[in-house]
């Protein structure tokens, strides 16, 4: 028999989801069998799988000692001794960081499980700063509230409590009421600001996103010219929807792909990447500002989280400016 007291980070969770996380190694079939046999009780009373946990609930799980040893091991957390990210903002609920490019935000599959990730680095940072103690948590682990691609740098937000994480998930799901601003370096010269409305669909097998006005989901991108160069343009981009690879696919759609984008680029954009010594594309999540947060995180509404450019991207801009100056002299 196991008894677990629901902590602040375990509350407001469906009972079956909590038990699945707590008995990490147990098959789902075994867990639902426990429910059918009424071997899972809350405050000494059997409860349905849909019961929502409350603070200080006592969960009793009737399993043998052998089953405890087999199923009770928590998910092994992997940490990193690196800290490549910069802290933009932190309080007791959230951590906002500036992620460099060429860093996964988390393990995506078996191929990447041994790679260093932003999540591994952040968990180490939180433990070192006494913001997170895995030994004091039943199931909760601080996590990403959203994702950006490996080669996209910039703002990433983590929830440090289950309540904060849930509110952040909801805010990112309901994209309205949130400002997200990016910087992108694209091939070719763009003279005027513009708006792109083209529906997008993702091929789950190839992981490639394409424009599909029949079957795709609505996607809207606004772009504003910051600086034009001889054969490239630096844009400020705002996305009004949050589709996978939205900026990269939309810029390809108007024939100005991101320079160095191997997946959605072109022969000319690849040529420019070599010319300017770019190892991957230039896309930076510069700013996030919430207007739709409620309850515990409402105090963060209208607060801007801004991520400065890392040195490698500053150097690319400097190379472009230098070439422009040389051309002007000639």
C-alpha atoms as a PDB file:
ATOM      1  CA  UNK A   1       0.000   0.000   0.000  1.00  0.00           C
ATOM      2  CA  UNK A   2       1.196   3.506  -0.895  1.00  0.00           C
ATOM      3  CA  UNK A   3      -0.071   6.784   0.518  1.00  0.00           C
ATOM      4  CA  UNK A   4       0.602  10.080  -1.225  1.00  0.00           C
ATOM      5  CA  UNK A   5      -0.379  13.549  -0.019  1.00  0.00           C
ATOM      6  CA  UNK A   6      -1.316  15.927  -2.830  1.00  0.00           C
ATOM      7  CA  UNK A   7       0.938  18.989  -2.846  1.00  0.00           C
ATOM      8  CA  UNK A   8       0.312  22.377  -4.440  1.00  0.00           C
ATOM      9  CA  UNK A   9       1.939  21.158  -7.669  1.00  0.00           C
ATOM     10  CA  UNK A  10      -0.234  18.000  -7.772  1.00  0.00           C
ATOM     11  CA  UNK A  11      -3.636  19.660  -7.385  1.00  0.00           C
ATOM     12  CA  UNK A  12      -6.184  20.254 -10.160  1.00  0.00           C
ATOM     13  CA  UNK A  13      -5.052  17.099 -11.983  1.00  0.00           C
ATOM     14  CA  UNK A  14      -7.216  14.193 -13.113  1.00  0.00           C
ATOM     15  CA  UNK A  15      -6.684  11.302 -10.736  1.00  0.00           C
ATOM     16  CA  UNK A  16      -5.726   8.793 -13.439  1.00  0.00           C
ATOM     17  CA  UNK A  17      -3.131  11.197 -14.860  1.00  0.00           C
ATOM     18  CA  UNK A  18      -1.619  11.707 -11.428  1.00  0.00           C
ATOM     19  CA  UNK A  19      -1.415   7.967 -10.775  1.00  0.00           C
ATOM     20  CA  UNK A  20       0.131   7.384 -14.216  1.00  0.00           C
ATOM     21  CA  UNK A  21       2.843   9.908 -13.470  1.00  0.00           C
ATOM     22  CA  UNK A  22       3.385   8.612  -9.948  1.00  0.00           C
ATOM     23  CA  UNK A  23       3.573   4.942 -10.984  1.00  0.00           C
ATOM     24  CA  UNK A  24       5.791   5.918 -13.881  1.00  0.00           C
ATOM     25  CA  UNK A  25       6.736   2.387 -14.961  1.00  0.00           C
ATOM     26  CA  UNK A  26       3.260   0.859 -14.657  1.00  0.00           C
ATOM     27  CA  UNK A  27       1.314  -0.002 -17.842  1.00  0.00           C
ATOM     28  CA  UNK A  28      -1.907   1.932 -18.358  1.00  0.00           C
ATOM     29  CA  UNK A  29      -3.839  -1.347 -18.353  1.00  0.00           C
ATOM     30  CA  UNK A  30      -2.556  -2.095 -14.835  1.00  0.00           C
ATOM     31  CA  UNK A  31      -3.543   1.370 -13.563  1.00  0.00           C
ATOM     32  CA  UNK A  32      -7.079   1.171 -14.953  1.00  0.00           C
ATOM     33  CA  UNK A  33      -7.434  -2.304 -13.464  1.00  0.00           C
ATOM     34  CA  UNK A  34      -6.650  -0.734 -10.064  1.00  0.00           C
ATOM     35  CA  UNK A  35      -9.476   1.741 -10.632  1.00  0.00           C
ATOM     36  CA  UNK A  36     -11.916  -1.016 -11.630  1.00  0.00           C
ATOM     37  CA  UNK A  37     -11.053  -2.994  -8.485  1.00  0.00           C
ATOM     38  CA  UNK A  38     -11.408   0.196  -6.395  1.00  0.00           C
ATOM     39  CA  UNK A  39      -7.797  -0.179  -5.232  1.00  0.00           C
ATOM     40  CA  UNK A  40      -7.225   3.573  -5.556  1.00  0.00           C
ATOM     41  CA  UNK A  41      -8.885   5.710  -2.919  1.00  0.00           C
ATOM     42  CA  UNK A  42      -8.960   9.405  -2.087  1.00  0.00           C
ATOM     43  CA  UNK A  43      -9.371  10.261   1.580  1.00  0.00           C
ATOM     44  CA  UNK A  44     -10.342   6.594   2.196  1.00  0.00           C
ATOM     45  CA  UNK A  45     -13.078   6.600  -0.478  1.00  0.00           C
ATOM     46  CA  UNK A  46     -12.886   5.064  -3.984  1.00  0.00           C
ATOM     47  CA  UNK A  47     -12.940   7.693  -6.705  1.00  0.00           C
ATOM     48  CA  UNK A  48     -13.506   7.711 -10.451  1.00  0.00           C
ATOM     49  CA  UNK A  49     -10.601   8.319 -12.844  1.00  0.00           C
ATOM     50  CA  UNK A  50     -11.983  11.797 -13.611  1.00  0.00           C
ATOM     51  CA  UNK A  51     -11.727  12.979  -9.998  1.00  0.00           C
ATOM     52  CA  UNK A  52      -9.748  16.240  -9.806  1.00  0.00           C
ATOM     53  CA  UNK A  53      -7.091  16.252  -7.117  1.00  0.00           C
ATOM     54  CA  UNK A  54      -7.204  18.826  -4.321  1.00  0.00           C
ATOM     55  CA  UNK A  55      -4.533  20.173  -2.018  1.00  0.00           C
ATOM     56  CA  UNK A  56      -3.815  17.781   0.906  1.00  0.00           C
ATOM     57  CA  UNK A  57      -5.892  14.926  -0.523  1.00  0.00           C
ATOM     58  CA  UNK A  58      -4.547  11.587   0.669  1.00  0.00           C
ATOM     59  CA  UNK A  59      -4.242   9.145  -2.240  1.00  0.00           C
ATOM     60  CA  UNK A  60      -4.036   5.489  -1.248  1.00  0.00           C
ATOM     61  CA  UNK A  61      -2.894   2.951  -3.840  1.00  0.00           C
ATOM     62  CA  UNK A  62      -3.222  -0.726  -2.906  1.00  0.00           C
ATOM     63  CA  UNK A  63      -0.387  -2.611  -4.559  1.00  0.00           C
ATOM     64  CA  UNK A  64       2.131  -5.176  -3.314  1.00  0.00           C
ATOM     65  CA  UNK A  65       5.696  -4.464  -2.222  1.00  0.00           C
ATOM     66  CA  UNK A  66       6.960  -6.173  -5.370  1.00  0.00           C
ATOM     67  CA  UNK A  67       4.760  -3.933  -7.526  1.00  0.00           C
ATOM     68  CA  UNK A  68       5.993  -0.875  -5.622  1.00  0.00           C
ATOM     69  CA  UNK A  69       9.587  -1.782  -6.464  1.00  0.00           C
ATOM     70  CA  UNK A  70       8.682  -2.410 -10.096  1.00  0.00           C
ATOM     71  CA  UNK A  71       6.467   0.595 -10.776  1.00  0.00           C
ATOM     72  CA  UNK A  72       7.408   3.336  -8.317  1.00  0.00           C
ATOM     73  CA  UNK A  73      10.668   4.520  -9.869  1.00  0.00           C
ATOM     74  CA  UNK A  74      10.219   8.100 -11.006  1.00  0.00           C
ATOM     75  CA  UNK A  75      11.160   9.185 -14.489  1.00  0.00           C
ATOM     76  CA  UNK A  76      14.898   9.660 -14.508  1.00  0.00           C
ATOM     77  CA  UNK A  77      15.733  13.320 -14.967  1.00  0.00           C
ATOM     78  CA  UNK A  78      18.813  14.196 -16.973  1.00  0.00           C
ATOM     79  CA  UNK A  79      20.701  17.382 -16.235  1.00  0.00           C
ATOM     80  CA  UNK A  80      23.435  19.431 -17.896  1.00  0.00           C
ATOM     81  CA  UNK A  81      26.505  21.140 -16.518  1.00  0.00           C
ATOM     82  CA  UNK A  82      26.263  23.822 -19.212  1.00  0.00           C
ATOM     83  CA  UNK A  83      24.403  27.130 -19.110  1.00  0.00           C
ATOM     84  CA  UNK A  84      24.260  28.513 -22.641  1.00  0.00           C
ATOM     85  CA  UNK A  85      21.036  30.434 -22.053  1.00  0.00           C
ATOM     86  CA  UNK A  86      20.587  33.892 -20.550  1.00  0.00           C
ATOM     87  CA  UNK A  87      17.981  34.663 -17.887  1.00  0.00           C
ATOM     88  CA  UNK A  88      15.629  37.449 -19.022  1.00  0.00           C
ATOM     89  CA  UNK A  89      13.168  37.320 -16.121  1.00  0.00           C
ATOM     90  CA  UNK A  90      12.441  35.056 -13.173  1.00  0.00           C
ATOM     91  CA  UNK A  91      10.030  34.916 -10.256  1.00  0.00           C
ATOM     92  CA  UNK A  92       8.466  32.143  -8.171  1.00  0.00           C
ATOM     93  CA  UNK A  93       6.143  31.125 -11.034  1.00  0.00           C
ATOM     94  CA  UNK A  94       8.014  31.526 -14.312  1.00  0.00           C
ATOM     95  CA  UNK A  95      11.463  31.566 -15.823  1.00  0.00           C
ATOM     96  CA  UNK A  96      11.994  33.456 -19.107  1.00  0.00           C
ATOM     97  CA  UNK A  97      15.251  32.729 -20.921  1.00  0.00           C
ATOM     98  CA  UNK A  98      17.095  33.713 -24.083  1.00  0.00           C
ATOM     99  CA  UNK A  99      17.969  30.506 -25.954  1.00  0.00           C
ATOM    100  CA  UNK A 100      20.941  30.435 -28.359  1.00  0.00           C
ATOM    101  CA  UNK A 101      20.604  28.766 -31.733  1.00  0.00           C
ATOM    102  CA  UNK A 102      21.805  25.200 -32.358  1.00  0.00           C
ATOM    103  CA  UNK A 103      20.265  24.000 -29.083  1.00  0.00           C
ATOM    104  CA  UNK A 104      17.242  21.713 -28.813  1.00  0.00           C
ATOM    105  CA  UNK A 105      14.610  22.847 -26.340  1.00  0.00           C
ATOM    106  CA  UNK A 106      14.033  19.253 -25.194  1.00  0.00           C
ATOM    107  CA  UNK A 107      14.550  15.622 -26.208  1.00  0.00           C
ATOM    108  CA  UNK A 108      12.447  14.993 -29.276  1.00  0.00           C
ATOM    109  CA  UNK A 109      13.047  11.292 -29.879  1.00  0.00           C
ATOM    110  CA  UNK A 110      15.528   8.479 -29.273  1.00  0.00           C
ATOM    111  CA  UNK A 111      17.988  10.058 -31.722  1.00  0.00           C
ATOM    112  CA  UNK A 112      18.269  13.198 -29.585  1.00  0.00           C
ATOM    113  CA  UNK A 113      17.971  11.729 -26.074  1.00  0.00           C
ATOM    114  CA  UNK A 114      21.727  11.970 -25.454  1.00  0.00           C
ATOM    115  CA  UNK A 115      21.993  15.547 -26.726  1.00  0.00           C
ATOM    116  CA  UNK A 116      22.298  18.549 -24.481  1.00  0.00           C
ATOM    117  CA  UNK A 117      19.029  20.512 -24.361  1.00  0.00           C
ATOM    118  CA  UNK A 118      17.721  23.780 -22.989  1.00  0.00           C
ATOM    119  CA  UNK A 119      15.429  21.843 -20.624  1.00  0.00           C
ATOM    120  CA  UNK A 120      18.354  19.898 -19.135  1.00  0.00           C
ATOM    121  CA  UNK A 121      20.271  23.132 -18.609  1.00  0.00           C
ATOM    122  CA  UNK A 122      17.275  24.893 -17.032  1.00  0.00           C
ATOM    123  CA  UNK A 123      16.518  22.030 -14.624  1.00  0.00           C
ATOM    124  CA  UNK A 124      20.143  22.113 -13.437  1.00  0.00           C
ATOM    125  CA  UNK A 125      19.931  25.875 -13.004  1.00  0.00           C
ATOM    126  CA  UNK A 126      16.694  25.648 -10.977  1.00  0.00           C
ATOM    127  CA  UNK A 127      18.104  22.954  -8.700  1.00  0.00           C
ATOM    128  CA  UNK A 128      21.315  24.916  -8.114  1.00  0.00           C
ATOM    129  CA  UNK A 129      19.259  27.985  -7.212  1.00  0.00           C
ATOM    130  CA  UNK A 130      16.951  26.038  -4.865  1.00  0.00           C
ATOM    131  CA  UNK A 131      13.932  26.786  -7.055  1.00  0.00           C
ATOM    132  CA  UNK A 132      13.257  23.104  -7.701  1.00  0.00           C
ATOM    133  CA  UNK A 133      13.900  20.005  -5.598  1.00  0.00           C
ATOM    134  CA  UNK A 134      12.900  16.785  -7.398  1.00  0.00           C
ATOM    135  CA  UNK A 135      13.016  14.874  -4.108  1.00  0.00           C
ATOM    136  CA  UNK A 136      10.204  17.014  -2.693  1.00  0.00           C
ATOM    137  CA  UNK A 137       7.868  16.623  -5.665  1.00  0.00           C
ATOM    138  CA  UNK A 138       5.557  13.681  -6.273  1.00  0.00           C
ATOM    139  CA  UNK A 139       5.255  14.079 -10.047  1.00  0.00           C
ATOM    140  CA  UNK A 140       5.793  17.725 -11.055  1.00  0.00           C
ATOM    141  CA  UNK A 141       8.785  18.850 -13.123  1.00  0.00           C
ATOM    142  CA  UNK A 142       9.243  22.472 -14.329  1.00  0.00           C
ATOM    143  CA  UNK A 143       8.621  22.472 -18.070  1.00  0.00           C
ATOM    144  CA  UNK A 144       8.483  24.454 -21.291  1.00  0.00           C
ATOM    145  CA  UNK A 145       5.300  26.390 -21.915  1.00  0.00           C
ATOM    146  CA  UNK A 146       5.963  26.428 -25.690  1.00  0.00           C
ATOM    147  CA  UNK A 147       8.594  25.416 -28.218  1.00  0.00           C
ATOM    148  CA  UNK A 148      10.922  26.981 -30.745  1.00  0.00           C
ATOM    149  CA  UNK A 149      13.097  25.177 -33.275  1.00  0.00           C
ATOM    150  CA  UNK A 150      16.692  24.148 -32.608  1.00  0.00           C
ATOM    151  CA  UNK A 151      18.124  26.868 -34.848  1.00  0.00           C
ATOM    152  CA  UNK A 152      15.752  29.609 -33.708  1.00  0.00           C
ATOM    153  CA  UNK A 153      17.148  31.693 -30.878  1.00  0.00           C
ATOM    154  CA  UNK A 154      15.321  33.937 -28.441  1.00  0.00           C
ATOM    155  CA  UNK A 155      12.569  33.980 -25.828  1.00  0.00           C
ATOM    156  CA  UNK A 156      11.499  30.697 -24.214  1.00  0.00           C
ATOM    157  CA  UNK A 157       9.263  30.518 -21.135  1.00  0.00           C
ATOM    158  CA  UNK A 158       9.211  27.796 -18.448  1.00  0.00           C
ATOM    159  CA  UNK A 159       6.537  27.209 -15.827  1.00  0.00           C
ATOM    160  CA  UNK A 160       8.030  26.647 -12.365  1.00  0.00           C
ATOM    161  CA  UNK A 161       4.746  25.490 -10.793  1.00  0.00           C
ATOM    162  CA  UNK A 162       1.917  23.341 -12.123  1.00  0.00           C
ATOM    163  CA  UNK A 163      -0.582  26.221 -11.842  1.00  0.00           C
ATOM    164  CA  UNK A 164       1.702  28.589 -13.761  1.00  0.00           C
ATOM    165  CA  UNK A 165       2.406  25.975 -16.414  1.00  0.00           C
ATOM    166  CA  UNK A 166      -1.288  25.294 -16.938  1.00  0.00           C
ATOM    167  CA  UNK A 167      -2.037  29.011 -17.355  1.00  0.00           C
ATOM    168  CA  UNK A 168       0.842  29.426 -19.798  1.00  0.00           C
ATOM    169  CA  UNK A 169      -0.307  26.429 -21.858  1.00  0.00           C
ATOM    170  CA  UNK A 170      -3.749  27.980 -22.099  1.00  0.00           C
ATOM    171  CA  UNK A 171      -2.322  31.370 -23.095  1.00  0.00           C
ATOM    172  CA  UNK A 172      -0.234  29.893 -25.911  1.00  0.00           C
ATOM    173  CA  UNK A 173      -3.148  27.727 -27.041  1.00  0.00           C
ATOM    174  CA  UNK A 174      -5.409  30.780 -27.279  1.00  0.00           C
ATOM    175  CA  UNK A 175      -3.024  32.832 -29.384  1.00  0.00           C
ATOM    176  CA  UNK A 176      -5.219  35.929 -29.402  1.00  0.00           C
ATOM    177  CA  UNK A 177      -4.124  38.490 -26.846  1.00  0.00           C
ATOM    178  CA  UNK A 178      -0.420  37.738 -27.221  1.00  0.00           C
ATOM    179  CA  UNK A 179       2.245  39.663 -29.133  1.00  0.00           C
ATOM    180  CA  UNK A 180       5.114  37.591 -30.543  1.00  0.00           C
ATOM    181  CA  UNK A 181       7.826  39.416 -32.444  1.00  0.00           C
ATOM    182  CA  UNK A 182      10.731  37.898 -34.398  1.00  0.00           C
ATOM    183  CA  UNK A 183      13.757  39.114 -36.331  1.00  0.00           C
ATOM    184  CA  UNK A 184      14.492  37.286 -39.582  1.00  0.00           C
ATOM    185  CA  UNK A 185      17.115  37.669 -42.284  1.00  0.00           C
ATOM    186  CA  UNK A 186      15.666  36.720 -45.650  1.00  0.00           C
ATOM    187  CA  UNK A 187      17.075  36.463 -49.161  1.00  0.00           C
ATOM    188  CA  UNK A 188      16.384  39.206 -51.663  1.00  0.00           C
ATOM    189  CA  UNK A 189      15.363  42.810 -51.182  1.00  0.00           C
ATOM    190  CA  UNK A 190      11.932  43.643 -49.763  1.00  0.00           C
ATOM    191  CA  UNK A 191      10.960  47.301 -50.047  1.00  0.00           C
ATOM    192  CA  UNK A 192       7.527  47.387 -48.430  1.00  0.00           C
ATOM    193  CA  UNK A 193       5.876  46.018 -45.302  1.00  0.00           C
ATOM    194  CA  UNK A 194       3.364  43.248 -45.883  1.00  0.00           C
ATOM    195  CA  UNK A 195       0.923  40.626 -44.674  1.00  0.00           C
ATOM    196  CA  UNK A 196       0.872  36.937 -45.571  1.00  0.00           C
ATOM    197  CA  UNK A 197      -2.301  34.883 -45.270  1.00  0.00           C
ATOM    198  CA  UNK A 198      -1.730  31.320 -46.440  1.00  0.00           C
ATOM    199  CA  UNK A 199      -3.093  28.179 -44.799  1.00  0.00           C
ATOM    200  CA  UNK A 200      -0.531  25.634 -43.646  1.00  0.00           C
ATOM    201  CA  UNK A 201      -0.554  21.865 -43.254  1.00  0.00           C
ATOM    202  CA  UNK A 202       2.107  19.576 -41.789  1.00  0.00           C
ATOM    203  CA  UNK A 203       3.012  16.210 -43.266  1.00  0.00           C
ATOM    204  CA  UNK A 204       3.390  14.024 -40.168  1.00  0.00           C
ATOM    205  CA  UNK A 205       5.631  11.545 -41.992  1.00  0.00           C
ATOM    206  CA  UNK A 206       8.119  13.992 -43.500  1.00  0.00           C
ATOM    207  CA  UNK A 207       7.594  16.754 -40.875  1.00  0.00           C
ATOM    208  CA  UNK A 208       7.515  19.237 -43.771  1.00  0.00           C
ATOM    209  CA  UNK A 209       4.969  22.071 -43.663  1.00  0.00           C
ATOM    210  CA  UNK A 210       3.376  23.293 -46.889  1.00  0.00           C
ATOM    211  CA  UNK A 211       0.838  25.884 -47.987  1.00  0.00           C
ATOM    212  CA  UNK A 212      -2.529  24.208 -48.580  1.00  0.00           C
ATOM    213  CA  UNK A 213      -5.520  26.529 -48.975  1.00  0.00           C
ATOM    214  CA  UNK A 214      -7.984  23.615 -48.978  1.00  0.00           C
ATOM    215  CA  UNK A 215      -6.862  21.407 -46.095  1.00  0.00           C
ATOM    216  CA  UNK A 216      -4.526  23.715 -44.177  1.00  0.00           C
ATOM    217  CA  UNK A 217      -5.059  25.697 -40.986  1.00  0.00           C
ATOM    218  CA  UNK A 218      -5.296  29.480 -41.008  1.00  0.00           C
ATOM    219  CA  UNK A 219      -1.937  31.246 -40.645  1.00  0.00           C
ATOM    220  CA  UNK A 220      -1.276  34.996 -40.658  1.00  0.00           C
ATOM    221  CA  UNK A 221       2.138  36.660 -40.673  1.00  0.00           C
ATOM    222  CA  UNK A 222       2.921  40.396 -40.658  1.00  0.00           C
ATOM    223  CA  UNK A 223       6.356  41.651 -41.677  1.00  0.00           C
ATOM    224  CA  UNK A 224       8.030  45.043 -41.459  1.00  0.00           C
ATOM    225  CA  UNK A 225      11.279  46.052 -43.164  1.00  0.00           C
ATOM    226  CA  UNK A 226      14.002  47.048 -40.713  1.00  0.00           C
ATOM    227  CA  UNK A 227      16.988  47.208 -43.058  1.00  0.00           C
ATOM    228  CA  UNK A 228      17.659  46.320 -46.683  1.00  0.00           C
ATOM    229  CA  UNK A 229      21.075  45.169 -47.847  1.00  0.00           C
ATOM    230  CA  UNK A 230      22.468  44.417 -51.301  1.00  0.00           C
ATOM    231  CA  UNK A 231      20.890  40.960 -51.530  1.00  0.00           C
ATOM    232  CA  UNK A 232      19.114  40.457 -48.199  1.00  0.00           C
ATOM    233  CA  UNK A 233      16.528  42.055 -45.921  1.00  0.00           C
ATOM    234  CA  UNK A 234      16.264  42.155 -42.138  1.00  0.00           C
ATOM    235  CA  UNK A 235      12.599  41.916 -41.120  1.00  0.00           C
ATOM    236  CA  UNK A 236      10.578  42.383 -37.965  1.00  0.00           C
ATOM    237  CA  UNK A 237       7.903  39.703 -38.056  1.00  0.00           C
ATOM    238  CA  UNK A 238       4.745  39.273 -35.999  1.00  0.00           C
ATOM    239  CA  UNK A 239       2.719  36.088 -36.138  1.00  0.00           C
ATOM    240  CA  UNK A 240      -0.991  36.239 -35.396  1.00  0.00           C
ATOM    241  CA  UNK A 241      -1.223  32.437 -35.348  1.00  0.00           C
ATOM    242  CA  UNK A 242       1.143  29.832 -33.973  1.00  0.00           C
ATOM    243  CA  UNK A 243       1.660  27.229 -36.693  1.00  0.00           C
ATOM    244  CA  UNK A 244       4.691  24.964 -36.953  1.00  0.00           C
ATOM    245  CA  UNK A 245       7.459  26.556 -39.081  1.00  0.00           C
ATOM    246  CA  UNK A 246       5.025  29.358 -39.939  1.00  0.00           C
ATOM    247  CA  UNK A 247       7.577  32.108 -40.581  1.00  0.00           C
ATOM    248  CA  UNK A 248       9.916  29.870 -42.556  1.00  0.00           C
ATOM    249  CA  UNK A 249       7.152  28.519 -44.817  1.00  0.00           C
ATOM    250  CA  UNK A 250       5.439  31.893 -45.302  1.00  0.00           C
ATOM    251  CA  UNK A 251       8.691  33.592 -46.309  1.00  0.00           C
ATOM    252  CA  UNK A 252       9.372  30.798 -48.787  1.00  0.00           C
ATOM    253  CA  UNK A 253       5.810  31.289 -50.095  1.00  0.00           C
ATOM    254  CA  UNK A 254       6.572  34.901 -51.087  1.00  0.00           C
ATOM    255  CA  UNK A 255       9.947  33.860 -52.585  1.00  0.00           C
ATOM    256  CA  UNK A 256      12.061  35.374 -49.811  1.00  0.00           C
ATOM    257  CA  UNK A 257      13.161  32.322 -47.797  1.00  0.00           C
ATOM    258  CA  UNK A 258      15.330  32.653 -44.721  1.00  0.00           C
ATOM    259  CA  UNK A 259      19.008  32.684 -45.682  1.00  0.00           C
ATOM    260  CA  UNK A 260      20.565  29.352 -44.716  1.00  0.00           C
ATOM    261  CA  UNK A 261      17.269  27.497 -44.261  1.00  0.00           C
ATOM    262  CA  UNK A 262      18.114  24.028 -45.586  1.00  0.00           C
ATOM    263  CA  UNK A 263      14.533  22.761 -45.278  1.00  0.00           C
ATOM    264  CA  UNK A 264      12.623  25.669 -46.806  1.00  0.00           C
ATOM    265  CA  UNK A 265      15.354  27.577 -48.613  1.00  0.00           C
ATOM    266  CA  UNK A 266      16.384  27.900 -52.247  1.00  0.00           C
ATOM    267  CA  UNK A 267      19.570  27.770 -54.297  1.00  0.00           C
ATOM    268  CA  UNK A 268      19.972  31.553 -53.970  1.00  0.00           C
ATOM    269  CA  UNK A 269      19.411  31.548 -50.200  1.00  0.00           C
ATOM    270  CA  UNK A 270      21.942  28.713 -49.813  1.00  0.00           C
ATOM    271  CA  UNK A 271      24.448  30.727 -51.853  1.00  0.00           C
ATOM    272  CA  UNK A 272      23.921  33.752 -49.621  1.00  0.00           C
ATOM    273  CA  UNK A 273      24.458  31.617 -46.497  1.00  0.00           C
ATOM    274  CA  UNK A 274      27.902  30.645 -47.772  1.00  0.00           C
ATOM    275  CA  UNK A 275      28.683  34.218 -48.758  1.00  0.00           C
ATOM    276  CA  UNK A 276      27.926  35.515 -45.264  1.00  0.00           C
ATOM    277  CA  UNK A 277      29.398  32.511 -43.388  1.00  0.00           C
ATOM    278  CA  UNK A 278      26.059  31.461 -41.945  1.00  0.00           C
ATOM    279  CA  UNK A 279      25.920  27.904 -40.590  1.00  0.00           C
ATOM    280  CA  UNK A 280      22.120  28.015 -40.170  1.00  0.00           C
ATOM    281  CA  UNK A 281      19.217  30.387 -40.722  1.00  0.00           C
ATOM    282  CA  UNK A 282      18.765  33.702 -38.908  1.00  0.00           C
ATOM    283  CA  UNK A 283      15.508  33.675 -36.919  1.00  0.00           C
ATOM    284  CA  UNK A 284      15.316  35.215 -33.462  1.00  0.00           C
ATOM    285  CA  UNK A 285      12.276  35.273 -31.143  1.00  0.00           C
ATOM    286  CA  UNK A 286      12.845  38.807 -29.940  1.00  0.00           C
ATOM    287  CA  UNK A 287       9.771  39.568 -27.823  1.00  0.00           C
ATOM    288  CA  UNK A 288       6.702  38.095 -26.142  1.00  0.00           C
ATOM    289  CA  UNK A 289       4.046  40.186 -24.429  1.00  0.00           C
ATOM    290  CA  UNK A 290       0.940  38.647 -22.848  1.00  0.00           C
ATOM    291  CA  UNK A 291      -2.467  40.297 -22.634  1.00  0.00           C
ATOM    292  CA  UNK A 292      -4.504  37.153 -21.980  1.00  0.00           C
ATOM    293  CA  UNK A 293      -3.117  35.737 -18.721  1.00  0.00           C
ATOM    294  CA  UNK A 294      -5.583  35.140 -15.906  1.00  0.00           C
ATOM    295  CA  UNK A 295      -5.633  34.204 -12.238  1.00  0.00           C
ATOM    296  CA  UNK A 296      -2.164  33.535 -10.785  1.00  0.00           C
ATOM    297  CA  UNK A 297      -0.226  35.055 -13.698  1.00  0.00           C
ATOM    298  CA  UNK A 298      -2.395  38.105 -14.440  1.00  0.00           C
ATOM    299  CA  UNK A 299       0.357  40.315 -12.988  1.00  0.00           C
ATOM    300  CA  UNK A 300       2.497  39.492 -16.058  1.00  0.00           C
ATOM    301  CA  UNK A 301       0.027  40.986 -18.535  1.00  0.00           C
ATOM    302  CA  UNK A 302       1.470  43.845 -20.649  1.00  0.00           C
ATOM    303  CA  UNK A 303       4.997  43.060 -19.440  1.00  0.00           C
ATOM    304  CA  UNK A 304       7.418  42.728 -22.369  1.00  0.00           C
ATOM    305  CA  UNK A 305       9.990  39.931 -22.330  1.00  0.00           C
ATOM    306  CA  UNK A 306      12.766  40.949 -24.735  1.00  0.00           C
ATOM    307  CA  UNK A 307      15.710  38.788 -25.817  1.00  0.00           C
ATOM    308  CA  UNK A 308      18.808  40.594 -27.122  1.00  0.00           C
ATOM    309  CA  UNK A 309      20.613  39.153 -30.144  1.00  0.00           C
ATOM    310  CA  UNK A 310      23.522  36.819 -29.405  1.00  0.00           C
ATOM    311  CA  UNK A 311      26.973  37.794 -30.684  1.00  0.00           C
ATOM    312  CA  UNK A 312      26.929  35.373 -33.640  1.00  0.00           C
ATOM    313  CA  UNK A 313      23.849  37.063 -35.095  1.00  0.00           C
ATOM    314  CA  UNK A 314      25.259  40.527 -34.404  1.00  0.00           C
ATOM    315  CA  UNK A 315      28.353  39.502 -36.380  1.00  0.00           C
ATOM    316  CA  UNK A 316      26.211  38.492 -39.362  1.00  0.00           C
ATOM    317  CA  UNK A 317      24.527  41.920 -39.377  1.00  0.00           C
ATOM    318  CA  UNK A 318      27.928  43.594 -39.127  1.00  0.00           C
ATOM    319  CA  UNK A 319      29.202  41.618 -42.142  1.00  0.00           C
ATOM    320  CA  UNK A 320      26.193  42.746 -44.178  1.00  0.00           C
ATOM    321  CA  UNK A 321      26.667  46.366 -43.102  1.00  0.00           C
ATOM    322  CA  UNK A 322      30.366  46.191 -43.928  1.00  0.00           C
ATOM    323  CA  UNK A 323      29.669  44.924 -47.443  1.00  0.00           C
ATOM    324  CA  UNK A 324      27.090  47.677 -47.947  1.00  0.00           C
ATOM    325  CA  UNK A 325      29.666  50.308 -46.927  1.00  0.00           C
ATOM    326  CA  UNK A 326      32.213  48.858 -49.338  1.00  0.00           C
ATOM    327  CA  UNK A 327      29.674  48.937 -52.165  1.00  0.00           C
ATOM    328  CA  UNK A 328      28.818  52.553 -51.363  1.00  0.00           C
ATOM    329  CA  UNK A 329      32.485  53.552 -51.637  1.00  0.00           C
ATOM    330  CA  UNK A 330      32.693  52.010 -55.064  1.00  0.00           C
END
